[in-house]
Structures are given as structure tokens and as C-alpha cells.
Amino acid sequence: MEGSEADPSNVKVLTRRELFDIMQHQNLPNMSEKLDFLENYLLGYDDYNEAEIKEIIHNFSYYKSELKKKLECSSQQLHDSESIIHS
């Protein structure tokens, strides 16, 4: 993974920004498909055992939840701004 780091225990670390950049570089029509791509990308990156797969899925689920919250918040702020402008 470009830009990723491995600590002494050989754990690969990706920042949220790196994950977002990987996802955004895909020419997919919507966020759901981009997130599906990213999850499959992460799961297919290495030959993980069952425990590692469960951990990746758990961590990615958290990432998706956080990303959706940020997108919803941004969308609401945009909607609020448009309401103020049209008032």
C-alpha cells in the first residue's frame, strides 16, 4: 500500500486520508460503491487469517460510520447555508 507504514509488529497503518484518497481515485458512480471497493481492496491486500479479517471488517465498519457522519454533517451544513441564502 503506497503511503502505508508498518510498525515493528508488521501491522500496516493507513490514515483516514489515505483510505479516502484510495477510494476517491476509483471511477465509481456513488459513495456506496466506492466504500465497497475500498473494503474489498483492504481485504484482498494480504493473505489474512480469520481473526485479522474480522478485525479489518470491524475497523472498516467504524471508518464507514465516521465517514457517513461527516458527510451527513457537511450535507446538513450545506442545506442550512442554502436555506439562509434563499431567505
PDB file of N, CA and C in Angstrom:
ATOM      1  N   MET A   1       0.841  -1.169   0.000  1.00  0.00           N
ATOM      2  CA  MET A   1       0.000   0.000   0.000  1.00  0.00           C
ATOM      3  C   MET A   1       0.881   1.224   0.000  1.00  0.00           C
ATOM      4  N   GLU A   2       0.698   2.029  -0.963  1.00  0.00           N
ATOM      5  CA  GLU A   2       1.501   3.235  -1.061  1.00  0.00           C
ATOM      6  C   GLU A   2       1.153   4.179   0.079  1.00  0.00           C
ATOM      7  N   GLY A   3       2.178   4.686   0.749  1.00  0.00           N
ATOM      8  CA  GLY A   3       1.953   5.626   1.831  1.00  0.00           C
ATOM      9  C   GLY A   3       1.675   4.968   3.163  1.00  0.00           C
ATOM     10  N   SER A   4       1.549   3.646   3.165  1.00  0.00           N
ATOM     11  CA  SER A   4       1.274   2.973   4.428  1.00  0.00           C
ATOM     12  C   SER A   4       2.573   2.726   5.170  1.00  0.00           C
ATOM     13  N   GLU A   5       2.441   2.515   6.441  1.00  0.00           N
ATOM     14  CA  GLU A   5       3.604   2.259   7.274  1.00  0.00           C
ATOM     15  C   GLU A   5       3.397   0.929   7.984  1.00  0.00           C
ATOM     16  N   ALA A   6       4.472   0.278   8.352  1.00  0.00           N
ATOM     17  CA  ALA A   6       4.386  -0.939   9.146  1.00  0.00           C
ATOM     18  C   ALA A   6       5.189  -0.712  10.415  1.00  0.00           C
ATOM     19  N   ASP A   7       4.581  -1.039  11.548  1.00  0.00           N
ATOM     20  CA  ASP A   7       5.320  -0.903  12.800  1.00  0.00           C
ATOM     21  C   ASP A   7       6.098  -2.196  13.046  1.00  0.00           C
ATOM     22  N   PRO A   8       6.882  -2.293  14.122  1.00  0.00           N
ATOM     23  CA  PRO A   8       7.707  -3.477  14.352  1.00  0.00           C
ATOM     24  C   PRO A   8       6.930  -4.798  14.391  1.00  0.00           C
ATOM     25  N   SER A   9       5.650  -4.765  14.746  1.00  0.00           N
ATOM     26  CA  SER A   9       4.859  -5.996  14.779  1.00  0.00           C
ATOM     27  C   SER A   9       4.304  -6.335  13.401  1.00  0.00           C
ATOM     28  N   ASN A  10       4.725  -5.595  12.373  1.00  0.00           N
ATOM     29  CA  ASN A  10       4.312  -5.806  10.991  1.00  0.00           C
ATOM     30  C   ASN A  10       2.851  -5.423  10.755  1.00  0.00           C
ATOM     31  N   VAL A  11       2.321  -4.546  11.589  1.00  0.00           N
ATOM     32  CA  VAL A  11       0.963  -4.046  11.421  1.00  0.00           C
ATOM     33  C   VAL A  11       1.001  -2.893  10.432  1.00  0.00           C
ATOM     34  N   LYS A  12       0.155  -2.968   9.413  1.00  0.00           N
ATOM     35  CA  LYS A  12       0.095  -1.896   8.421  1.00  0.00           C
ATOM     36  C   LYS A  12      -0.851  -0.814   8.926  1.00  0.00           C
ATOM     37  N   VAL A  13      -0.436   0.431   8.771  1.00  0.00           N
ATOM     38  CA  VAL A  13      -1.223   1.561   9.250  1.00  0.00           C
ATOM     39  C   VAL A  13      -1.549   2.462   8.071  1.00  0.00           C
ATOM     40  N   LEU A  14      -2.830   2.765   7.920  1.00  0.00           N
ATOM     41  CA  LEU A  14      -3.273   3.715   6.911  1.00  0.00           C
ATOM     42  C   LEU A  14      -4.060   4.811   7.608  1.00  0.00           C
ATOM     43  N   THR A  15      -3.815   6.025   7.209  1.00  0.00           N
ATOM     44  CA  THR A  15      -4.595   7.123   7.773  1.00  0.00           C
ATOM     45  C   THR A  15      -5.960   7.172   7.093  1.00  0.00           C
ATOM     46  N   ARG A  16      -6.885   7.851   7.723  1.00  0.00           N
ATOM     47  CA  ARG A  16      -8.199   8.033   7.103  1.00  0.00           C
ATOM     48  C   ARG A  16      -8.053   8.748   5.767  1.00  0.00           C
ATOM     49  N   ARG A  17      -7.127   9.674   5.709  1.00  0.00           N
ATOM     50  CA  ARG A  17      -6.904  10.418   4.467  1.00  0.00           C
ATOM     51  C   ARG A  17      -6.427   9.487   3.357  1.00  0.00           C
ATOM     52  N   GLU A  18      -5.519   8.571   3.680  1.00  0.00           N
ATOM     53  CA  GLU A  18      -5.041   7.616   2.673  1.00  0.00           C
ATOM     54  C   GLU A  18      -6.181   6.728   2.182  1.00  0.00           C
ATOM     55  N   LEU A  19      -7.024   6.274   3.099  1.00  0.00           N
ATOM     56  CA  LEU A  19      -8.178   5.460   2.705  1.00  0.00           C
ATOM     57  C   LEU A  19      -9.107   6.258   1.794  1.00  0.00           C
ATOM     58  N   PHE A  20      -9.371   7.493   2.178  1.00  0.00           N
ATOM     59  CA  PHE A  20     -10.240   8.350   1.378  1.00  0.00           C
ATOM     60  C   PHE A  20      -9.659   8.570  -0.017  1.00  0.00           C
ATOM     61  N   ASP A  21      -8.358   8.824  -0.096  1.00  0.00           N
ATOM     62  CA  ASP A  21      -7.714   9.045  -1.397  1.00  0.00           C
ATOM     63  C   ASP A  21      -7.798   7.807  -2.287  1.00  0.00           C
ATOM     64  N   ILE A  22      -7.578   6.631  -1.715  1.00  0.00           N
ATOM     65  CA  ILE A  22      -7.689   5.382  -2.483  1.00  0.00           C
ATOM     66  C   ILE A  22      -9.098   5.254  -3.049  1.00  0.00           C
ATOM     67  N   MET A  23     -10.070   5.514  -2.205  1.00  0.00           N
ATOM     68  CA  MET A  23     -11.466   5.386  -2.598  1.00  0.00           C
ATOM     69  C   MET A  23     -11.832   6.406  -3.676  1.00  0.00           C
ATOM     70  N   GLN A  24     -11.381   7.641  -3.522  1.00  0.00           N
ATOM     71  CA  GLN A  24     -11.734   8.704  -4.456  1.00  0.00           C
ATOM     72  C   GLN A  24     -11.118   8.505  -5.843  1.00  0.00           C
ATOM     73  N   HIS A  25     -10.017   7.781  -5.925  1.00  0.00           N
ATOM     74  CA  HIS A  25      -9.365   7.569  -7.219  1.00  0.00           C
ATOM     75  C   HIS A  25     -10.094   6.540  -8.076  1.00  0.00           C
ATOM     76  N   GLN A  26     -11.125   5.926  -7.531  1.00  0.00           N
ATOM     77  CA  GLN A  26     -11.900   4.960  -8.293  1.00  0.00           C
ATOM     78  C   GLN A  26     -12.984   5.701  -9.060  1.00  0.00           C
ATOM     79  N   ASN A  27     -13.174   5.310 -10.276  1.00  0.00           N
ATOM     80  CA  ASN A  27     -14.191   5.954 -11.110  1.00  0.00           C
ATOM     81  C   ASN A  27     -15.522   5.227 -10.915  1.00  0.00           C
ATOM     82  N   LEU A  28     -16.051   5.324  -9.706  1.00  0.00           N
ATOM     83  CA  LEU A  28     -17.308   4.659  -9.382  1.00  0.00           C
ATOM     84  C   LEU A  28     -18.382   5.718  -9.153  1.00  0.00           C
ATOM     85  N   PRO A  29     -19.636   5.379  -9.480  1.00  0.00           N
ATOM     86  CA  PRO A  29     -20.686   6.399  -9.503  1.00  0.00           C
ATOM     87  C   PRO A  29     -21.166   6.931  -8.154  1.00  0.00           C
ATOM     88  N   ASN A  30     -21.006   6.166  -7.083  1.00  0.00           N
ATOM     89  CA  ASN A  30     -21.531   6.668  -5.809  1.00  0.00           C
ATOM     90  C   ASN A  30     -20.669   6.216  -4.635  1.00  0.00           C
ATOM     91  N   MET A  31     -20.925   6.827  -3.503  1.00  0.00           N
ATOM     92  CA  MET A  31     -20.119   6.574  -2.306  1.00  0.00           C
ATOM     93  C   MET A  31     -20.223   5.121  -1.851  1.00  0.00           C
ATOM     94  N   SER A  32     -21.396   4.543  -1.947  1.00  0.00           N
ATOM     95  CA  SER A  32     -21.580   3.158  -1.514  1.00  0.00           C
ATOM     96  C   SER A  32     -20.667   2.213  -2.295  1.00  0.00           C
ATOM     97  N   GLU A  33     -20.610   2.389  -3.604  1.00  0.00           N
ATOM     98  CA  GLU A  33     -19.745   1.542  -4.428  1.00  0.00           C
ATOM     99  C   GLU A  33     -18.269   1.797  -4.132  1.00  0.00           C
ATOM    100  N   LYS A  34     -17.923   3.046  -3.853  1.00  0.00           N
ATOM    101  CA  LYS A  34     -16.538   3.366  -3.509  1.00  0.00           C
ATOM    102  C   LYS A  34     -16.146   2.707  -2.186  1.00  0.00           C
ATOM    103  N   LEU A  35     -17.053   2.727  -1.216  1.00  0.00           N
ATOM    104  CA  LEU A  35     -16.775   2.087   0.072  1.00  0.00           C
ATOM    105  C   LEU A  35     -16.667   0.573  -0.080  1.00  0.00           C
ATOM    106  N   ASP A  36     -17.531  -0.014  -0.911  1.00  0.00           N
ATOM    107  CA  ASP A  36     -17.444  -1.454  -1.173  1.00  0.00           C
ATOM    108  C   ASP A  36     -16.101  -1.797  -1.813  1.00  0.00           C
ATOM    109  N   PHE A  37     -15.678  -0.973  -2.777  1.00  0.00           N
ATOM    110  CA  PHE A  37     -14.379  -1.194  -3.409  1.00  0.00           C
ATOM    111  C   PHE A  37     -13.263  -1.154  -2.373  1.00  0.00           C
ATOM    112  N   LEU A  38     -13.296  -0.135  -1.525  1.00  0.00           N
ATOM    113  CA  LEU A  38     -12.237   0.044  -0.538  1.00  0.00           C
ATOM    114  C   LEU A  38     -12.182  -1.130   0.434  1.00  0.00           C
ATOM    115  N   GLU A  39     -13.333  -1.602   0.866  1.00  0.00           N
ATOM    116  CA  GLU A  39     -13.359  -2.748   1.776  1.00  0.00           C
ATOM    117  C   GLU A  39     -12.754  -3.980   1.101  1.00  0.00           C
ATOM    118  N   ASN A  40     -13.138  -4.244  -0.136  1.00  0.00           N
ATOM    119  CA  ASN A  40     -12.577  -5.385  -0.868  1.00  0.00           C
ATOM    120  C   ASN A  40     -11.081  -5.208  -1.115  1.00  0.00           C
ATOM    121  N   TYR A  41     -10.664  -3.985  -1.377  1.00  0.00           N
ATOM    122  CA  TYR A  41      -9.244  -3.674  -1.561  1.00  0.00           C
ATOM    123  C   TYR A  41      -8.455  -4.032  -0.304  1.00  0.00           C
ATOM    124  N   LEU A  42      -8.971  -3.612   0.835  1.00  0.00           N
ATOM    125  CA  LEU A  42      -8.282  -3.893   2.099  1.00  0.00           C
ATOM    126  C   LEU A  42      -8.246  -5.386   2.403  1.00  0.00           C
ATOM    127  N   LEU A  43      -9.354  -6.064   2.173  1.00  0.00           N
ATOM    128  CA  LEU A  43      -9.411  -7.499   2.468  1.00  0.00           C
ATOM    129  C   LEU A  43      -8.535  -8.316   1.521  1.00  0.00           C
ATOM    130  N   GLY A  44      -8.333  -7.821   0.307  1.00  0.00           N
ATOM    131  CA  GLY A  44      -7.533  -8.543  -0.670  1.00  0.00           C
ATOM    132  C   GLY A  44      -6.069  -8.147  -0.686  1.00  0.00           C
ATOM    133  N   TYR A  45      -5.674  -7.241   0.189  1.00  0.00           N
ATOM    134  CA  TYR A  45      -4.309  -6.732   0.174  1.00  0.00           C
ATOM    135  C   TYR A  45      -3.283  -7.775   0.585  1.00  0.00           C
ATOM    136  N   ASP A  46      -3.647  -8.647   1.502  1.00  0.00           N
ATOM    137  CA  ASP A  46      -2.705  -9.631   2.030  1.00  0.00           C
ATOM    138  C   ASP A  46      -3.463 -10.923   2.305  1.00  0.00           C
ATOM    139  N   ASP A  47      -2.750 -11.958   2.650  1.00  0.00           N
ATOM    140  CA  ASP A  47      -3.355 -13.244   2.986  1.00  0.00           C
ATOM    141  C   ASP A  47      -3.636 -13.262   4.490  1.00  0.00           C
ATOM    142  N   TYR A  48      -4.786 -12.708   4.879  1.00  0.00           N
ATOM    143  CA  TYR A  48      -5.119 -12.562   6.289  1.00  0.00           C
ATOM    144  C   TYR A  48      -5.744 -13.826   6.852  1.00  0.00           C
ATOM    145  N   ASN A  49      -5.519 -14.050   8.149  1.00  0.00           N
ATOM    146  CA  ASN A  49      -6.208 -15.156   8.807  1.00  0.00           C
ATOM    147  C   ASN A  49      -7.596 -14.676   9.233  1.00  0.00           C
ATOM    148  N   GLU A  50      -8.393 -15.576   9.767  1.00  0.00           N
ATOM    149  CA  GLU A  50      -9.783 -15.259  10.109  1.00  0.00           C
ATOM    150  C   GLU A  50      -9.895 -14.130  11.139  1.00  0.00           C
ATOM    151  N   ALA A  51      -9.032 -14.138  12.137  1.00  0.00           N
ATOM    152  CA  ALA A  51      -9.063 -13.090  13.168  1.00  0.00           C
ATOM    153  C   ALA A  51      -8.714 -11.728  12.570  1.00  0.00           C
ATOM    154  N   GLU A  52      -7.747 -11.704  11.668  1.00  0.00           N
ATOM    155  CA  GLU A  52      -7.361 -10.440  11.029  1.00  0.00           C
ATOM    156  C   GLU A  52      -8.487  -9.906  10.145  1.00  0.00           C
ATOM    157  N   ILE A  53      -9.153 -10.817   9.435  1.00  0.00           N
ATOM    158  CA  ILE A  53     -10.277 -10.417   8.588  1.00  0.00           C
ATOM    159  C   ILE A  53     -11.386  -9.803   9.435  1.00  0.00           C
ATOM    160  N   LYS A  54     -11.690 -10.436  10.563  1.00  0.00           N
ATOM    161  CA  LYS A  54     -12.723  -9.901  11.456  1.00  0.00           C
ATOM    162  C   LYS A  54     -12.339  -8.515  11.959  1.00  0.00           C
ATOM    163  N   GLU A  55     -11.065  -8.335  12.282  1.00  0.00           N
ATOM    164  CA  GLU A  55     -10.604  -7.035  12.771  1.00  0.00           C
ATOM    165  C   GLU A  55     -10.671  -5.973  11.674  1.00  0.00           C
ATOM    166  N   ILE A  56     -10.298  -6.330  10.455  1.00  0.00           N
ATOM    167  CA  ILE A  56     -10.377  -5.392   9.333  1.00  0.00           C
ATOM    168  C   ILE A  56     -11.829  -4.984   9.096  1.00  0.00           C
ATOM    169  N   ILE A  57     -12.719  -5.963   9.082  1.00  0.00           N
ATOM    170  CA  ILE A  57     -14.137  -5.672   8.867  1.00  0.00           C
ATOM    171  C   ILE A  57     -14.673  -4.773   9.976  1.00  0.00           C
ATOM    172  N   HIS A  58     -14.299  -5.062  11.216  1.00  0.00           N
ATOM    173  CA  HIS A  58     -14.743  -4.246  12.354  1.00  0.00           C
ATOM    174  C   HIS A  58     -14.221  -2.815  12.233  1.00  0.00           C
ATOM    175  N   ASN A  59     -12.930  -2.669  11.980  1.00  0.00           N
ATOM    176  CA  ASN A  59     -12.330  -1.336  11.870  1.00  0.00           C
ATOM    177  C   ASN A  59     -12.883  -0.567  10.673  1.00  0.00           C
ATOM    178  N   PHE A  60     -13.115  -1.275   9.575  1.00  0.00           N
ATOM    179  CA  PHE A  60     -13.641  -0.603   8.394  1.00  0.00           C
ATOM    180  C   PHE A  60     -15.084  -0.171   8.615  1.00  0.00           C
ATOM    181  N   SER A  61     -15.832  -0.965   9.333  1.00  0.00           N
ATOM    182  CA  SER A  61     -17.208  -0.594   9.673  1.00  0.00           C
ATOM    183  C   SER A  61     -17.221   0.708  10.468  1.00  0.00           C
ATOM    184  N   TYR A  62     -16.297   0.830  11.405  1.00  0.00           N
ATOM    185  CA  TYR A  62     -16.166   2.065  12.184  1.00  0.00           C
ATOM    186  C   TYR A  62     -15.800   3.232  11.264  1.00  0.00           C
ATOM    187  N   TYR A  63     -14.852   3.017  10.362  1.00  0.00           N
ATOM    188  CA  TYR A  63     -14.437   4.055   9.412  1.00  0.00           C
ATOM    189  C   TYR A  63     -15.627   4.515   8.565  1.00  0.00           C
ATOM    190  N   LYS A  64     -16.411   3.557   8.046  1.00  0.00           N
ATOM    191  CA  LYS A  64     -17.574   3.913   7.229  1.00  0.00           C
ATOM    192  C   LYS A  64     -18.570   4.738   8.031  1.00  0.00           C
ATOM    193  N   SER A  65     -18.789   4.341   9.264  1.00  0.00           N
ATOM    194  CA  SER A  65     -19.720   5.065  10.123  1.00  0.00           C
ATOM    195  C   SER A  65     -19.259   6.505  10.344  1.00  0.00           C
ATOM    196  N   GLU A  66     -17.984   6.676  10.641  1.00  0.00           N
ATOM    197  CA  GLU A  66     -17.433   8.019  10.851  1.00  0.00           C
ATOM    198  C   GLU A  66     -17.508   8.858   9.570  1.00  0.00           C
ATOM    199  N   LEU A  67     -17.202   8.251   8.443  1.00  0.00           N
ATOM    200  CA  LEU A  67     -17.250   8.963   7.171  1.00  0.00           C
ATOM    201  C   LEU A  67     -18.677   9.395   6.849  1.00  0.00           C
ATOM    202  N   LYS A  68     -19.637   8.506   7.061  1.00  0.00           N
ATOM    203  CA  LYS A  68     -21.036   8.843   6.796  1.00  0.00           C
ATOM    204  C   LYS A  68     -21.506   9.979   7.698  1.00  0.00           C
ATOM    205  N   LYS A  69     -21.085   9.970   8.962  1.00  0.00           N
ATOM    206  CA  LYS A  69     -21.453  11.061   9.875  1.00  0.00           C
ATOM    207  C   LYS A  69     -20.914  12.391   9.360  1.00  0.00           C
ATOM    208  N   LYS A  70     -19.666  12.386   8.916  1.00  0.00           N
ATOM    209  CA  LYS A  70     -19.062  13.621   8.406  1.00  0.00           C
ATOM    210  C   LYS A  70     -19.768  14.096   7.139  1.00  0.00           C
ATOM    211  N   LEU A  71     -20.118  13.164   6.265  1.00  0.00           N
ATOM    212  CA  LEU A  71     -20.808  13.540   5.034  1.00  0.00           C
ATOM    213  C   LEU A  71     -22.203  14.081   5.331  1.00  0.00           C
ATOM    214  N   GLU A  72     -22.905  13.446   6.267  1.00  0.00           N
ATOM    215  CA  GLU A  72     -24.236  13.923   6.640  1.00  0.00           C
ATOM    216  C   GLU A  72     -24.157  15.304   7.269  1.00  0.00           C
ATOM    217  N   CYS A  73     -23.168  15.523   8.100  1.00  0.00           N
ATOM    218  CA  CYS A  73     -22.979  16.827   8.734  1.00  0.00           C
ATOM    219  C   CYS A  73     -22.687  17.891   7.676  1.00  0.00           C
ATOM    220  N   SER A  74     -21.821  17.583   6.735  1.00  0.00           N
ATOM    221  CA  SER A  74     -21.497  18.520   5.656  1.00  0.00           C
ATOM    222  C   SER A  74     -22.725  18.810   4.805  1.00  0.00           C
ATOM    223  N   SER A  75     -23.485  17.770   4.520  1.00  0.00           N
ATOM    224  CA  SER A  75     -24.696  17.933   3.729  1.00  0.00           C
ATOM    225  C   SER A  75     -25.700  18.825   4.454  1.00  0.00           C
ATOM    226  N   GLN A  76     -25.852  18.620   5.756  1.00  0.00           N
ATOM    227  CA  GLN A  76     -26.775  19.435   6.547  1.00  0.00           C
ATOM    228  C   GLN A  76     -26.315  20.886   6.589  1.00  0.00           C
ATOM    229  N   GLN A  77     -25.018  21.102   6.740  1.00  0.00           N
ATOM    230  CA  GLN A  77     -24.491  22.468   6.753  1.00  0.00           C
ATOM    231  C   GLN A  77     -24.732  23.154   5.412  1.00  0.00           C
ATOM    232  N   LEU A  78     -24.565  22.407   4.324  1.00  0.00           N
ATOM    233  CA  LEU A  78     -24.824  22.959   3.000  1.00  0.00           C
ATOM    234  C   LEU A  78     -26.297  23.315   2.865  1.00  0.00           C
ATOM    235  N   HIS A  79     -27.167  22.428   3.313  1.00  0.00           N
ATOM    236  CA  HIS A  79     -28.604  22.672   3.252  1.00  0.00           C
ATOM    237  C   HIS A  79     -28.970  23.906   4.077  1.00  0.00           C
ATOM    238  N   ASP A  80     -28.403  24.016   5.273  1.00  0.00           N
ATOM    239  CA  ASP A  80     -28.666  25.175   6.132  1.00  0.00           C
ATOM    240  C   ASP A  80     -28.189  26.468   5.467  1.00  0.00           C
ATOM    241  N   SER A  81     -27.027  26.421   4.835  1.00  0.00           N
ATOM    242  CA  SER A  81     -26.488  27.601   4.145  1.00  0.00           C
ATOM    243  C   SER A  81     -27.392  28.014   2.991  1.00  0.00           C
ATOM    244  N   GLU A  82     -27.885  27.036   2.248  1.00  0.00           N
ATOM    245  CA  GLU A  82     -28.782  27.336   1.132  1.00  0.00           C
ATOM    246  C   GLU A  82     -30.088  27.934   1.636  1.00  0.00           C
ATOM    247  N   SER A  83     -30.573  27.455   2.770  1.00  0.00           N
ATOM    248  CA  SER A  83     -31.807  27.993   3.350  1.00  0.00           C
ATOM    249  C   SER A  83     -31.627  29.449   3.748  1.00  0.00           C
ATOM    250  N   ILE A  84     -30.481  29.773   4.308  1.00  0.00           N
ATOM    251  CA  ILE A  84     -30.194  31.148   4.720  1.00  0.00           C
ATOM    252  C   ILE A  84     -30.111  32.054   3.490  1.00  0.00           C
ATOM    253  N   ILE A  85     -29.474  31.584   2.447  1.00  0.00           N
ATOM    254  CA  ILE A  85     -29.312  32.372   1.222  1.00  0.00           C
ATOM    255  C   ILE A  85     -30.669  32.656   0.578  1.00  0.00           C
ATOM    256  N   HIS A  86     -31.550  31.662   0.577  1.00  0.00           N
ATOM    257  CA  HIS A  86     -32.853  31.812  -0.069  1.00  0.00           C
ATOM    258  C   HIS A  86     -33.867  32.540   0.803  1.00  0.00           C
ATOM    259  N   SER A  87     -33.513  32.846   2.037  1.00  0.00           N
ATOM    260  CA  SER A  87     -34.447  33.541   2.937  1.00  0.00           C
ATOM    261  C   SER A  87     -34.544  35.004   2.618  1.00  0.00           C
TER     262      SER A  87
END
